Protein backbone atom coordinates (compact mmCIF):
# COMPACT_ATOMS: atom_id res chain seq x y z
CA MET A 1 85.16 96.43 -52.72
CA LYS A 2 84.33 99.78 -54.27
CA TYR A 3 82.81 100.91 -50.95
CA LEU A 4 86.03 100.04 -49.15
CA ILE A 5 88.09 102.02 -51.64
CA SER A 6 85.68 104.96 -51.41
CA PHE A 7 85.83 104.83 -47.62
CA LEU A 8 89.63 104.79 -47.65
CA ILE A 9 89.83 107.73 -50.07
CA ILE A 10 87.37 109.80 -48.02
CA SER A 11 89.17 108.91 -44.78
CA PHE A 12 92.52 109.89 -46.29
CA LEU A 13 91.14 113.22 -47.49
CA LEU A 14 89.55 114.00 -44.15
CA ILE A 15 92.68 113.15 -42.20
CA PHE A 16 95.05 115.20 -44.32
CA ILE A 17 92.84 118.08 -45.48
CA CYS A 18 90.91 118.89 -42.30
CA PRO A 19 93.89 120.42 -40.48
CA PHE A 20 94.36 122.84 -43.40
CA VAL A 21 90.67 123.76 -43.45
CA LEU A 22 90.90 125.29 -40.00
CA ALA A 23 91.49 128.97 -40.62
CA GLN A 24 93.60 129.53 -37.58
CA ALA A 25 94.91 127.34 -34.79
CA PRO A 26 93.94 128.50 -31.32
CA GLU A 27 96.62 130.62 -29.76
CA THR A 28 95.51 130.50 -26.14
CA LEU A 29 94.24 127.79 -23.91
CA GLU A 30 90.87 129.56 -23.65
CA GLU A 31 90.48 129.62 -27.44
CA ALA A 32 91.35 125.92 -27.58
CA LYS A 33 88.77 125.22 -24.89
CA GLU A 34 86.08 127.16 -26.76
CA MET A 35 86.93 125.41 -30.03
CA GLY A 36 86.86 122.01 -28.31
CA GLU A 37 83.51 122.76 -26.68
CA SER A 38 82.00 123.94 -29.96
CA ILE A 39 83.16 120.74 -31.67
CA LEU A 40 82.00 118.61 -28.74
CA TRP A 41 78.53 120.19 -28.56
CA GLY A 42 78.14 120.16 -32.34
CA PHE A 43 78.99 116.47 -32.59
CA PRO A 44 75.54 115.14 -31.53
CA GLU A 45 73.83 117.37 -34.07
CA VAL A 46 76.13 116.11 -36.83
CA LEU A 47 75.36 112.49 -35.98
CA LYS A 48 71.62 112.94 -35.47
CA LYS A 49 70.53 112.72 -39.11
CA PRO A 50 72.80 109.79 -40.11
CA TRP A 51 71.72 107.92 -36.97
CA GLN A 52 68.04 108.41 -37.84
CA GLU A 53 68.69 107.25 -41.40
CA ALA A 54 70.55 104.20 -40.10
CA LEU A 55 67.65 103.37 -37.77
CA ALA A 56 65.23 103.60 -40.67
CA VAL A 57 67.40 101.29 -42.78
CA TRP A 58 67.78 98.81 -39.90
CA GLY A 59 64.03 98.89 -39.36
CA LYS A 60 63.45 98.08 -43.02
CA MET A 61 66.02 95.29 -42.84
CA ALA A 62 64.35 93.85 -39.74
CA GLY A 63 60.96 93.94 -41.47
CA TRP A 64 62.41 92.30 -44.55
CA PHE A 65 64.08 89.57 -42.48
CA LYS A 66 60.92 88.98 -40.45
CA ASN A 67 58.92 88.63 -43.66
CA LEU A 68 61.54 86.28 -45.12
CA TRP A 69 61.61 84.22 -41.92
CA SER A 70 57.85 83.88 -41.55
CA SER A 71 57.22 83.27 -45.25
CA TYR A 72 60.03 80.91 -46.24
CA ILE A 73 62.51 79.82 -43.60
CA TYR A 74 60.20 78.95 -40.68
CA PRO A 75 57.78 76.87 -42.80
CA TRP A 76 60.70 75.05 -44.40
CA PHE A 77 62.22 74.18 -41.01
CA TRP A 78 58.84 73.25 -39.57
CA ASN A 79 58.18 71.00 -42.57
CA ILE A 80 61.45 69.13 -42.03
CA LEU A 81 61.61 69.13 -38.23
CA GLY A 82 57.88 68.67 -37.70
CA LYS A 83 57.88 65.41 -39.62
CA GLU A 84 60.90 64.17 -37.70
CA VAL A 85 59.39 65.10 -34.34
CA GLU A 86 56.10 63.40 -35.17
CA LYS A 87 57.98 60.30 -36.31
CA ARG A 88 60.02 60.13 -33.08
CA LYS A 89 57.32 61.29 -30.67
CA PRO A 90 56.61 57.83 -29.18
CA GLU A 91 60.35 57.24 -28.67
CA ILE A 92 60.72 60.65 -27.02
CA GLN A 93 57.80 60.00 -24.64
CA GLU A 94 59.16 56.55 -23.81
CA GLU A 95 62.62 57.96 -23.07
CA PHE A 96 61.06 60.72 -20.97
CA GLU A 97 59.21 58.14 -18.85
CA LYS A 98 62.45 56.15 -18.36
CA GLU A 99 64.30 59.28 -17.23
CA LYS A 100 61.46 60.15 -14.88
CA GLN A 101 61.58 56.69 -13.28
CA GLU A 102 65.36 56.87 -12.93
CA MET A 103 65.12 60.21 -11.19
CA LYS A 104 62.45 58.89 -8.81
CA GLU A 105 64.77 56.02 -7.92
CA GLU A 106 67.86 58.22 -7.47
CA ILE A 107 66.31 60.88 -5.25
CA PRO A 108 65.94 58.68 -2.13
CA LYS A 109 69.54 57.52 -2.57
CA ILE A 110 70.82 61.05 -2.05
CA PRO A 111 69.78 62.09 1.49
CA GLU A 112 72.36 64.91 1.57
CA ALA A 113 70.62 66.67 -1.27
CA THR A 114 67.33 66.86 0.66
CA LYS A 115 68.86 68.39 3.80
CA SER A 116 68.21 72.03 4.33
CA LEU A 117 70.95 74.59 4.78
CA TRP A 118 69.98 75.02 8.43
CA GLN A 119 70.41 71.29 9.10
CA ARG A 120 73.85 71.34 7.49
CA LEU A 121 74.90 74.31 9.62
CA LYS A 122 73.75 72.50 12.77
CA GLU A 123 75.87 69.50 11.84
CA LEU A 124 78.91 71.70 11.29
CA ILE A 125 78.52 73.33 14.70
CA LYS A 126 78.23 69.99 16.58
């Protein structure tokens, strides 16, 4: 919550104070173009350091999460799910064999599915 309030205060100050910080508004279109280009070309340099810091933080977070996952979460899931899979393995294999037999029986019943695209085109032309 305090970060949100801090962000709002900083945003408010930037929005309302920045126009007064500019010493002089550009008087010609050329001056405005030069000022815009200087801001535009300076923008990547301004963001370079915070972006690198953010990447470093994200890298640390990824390493922390990977360590947490491999040390605690994955073994816990494997402990629970591994036991369940081993318990149901014969049922799973039996069901797989039934499905395989059903598919072998259904394939000859569907002659349209085995026709090639060329054969279908020939039938359409006739």
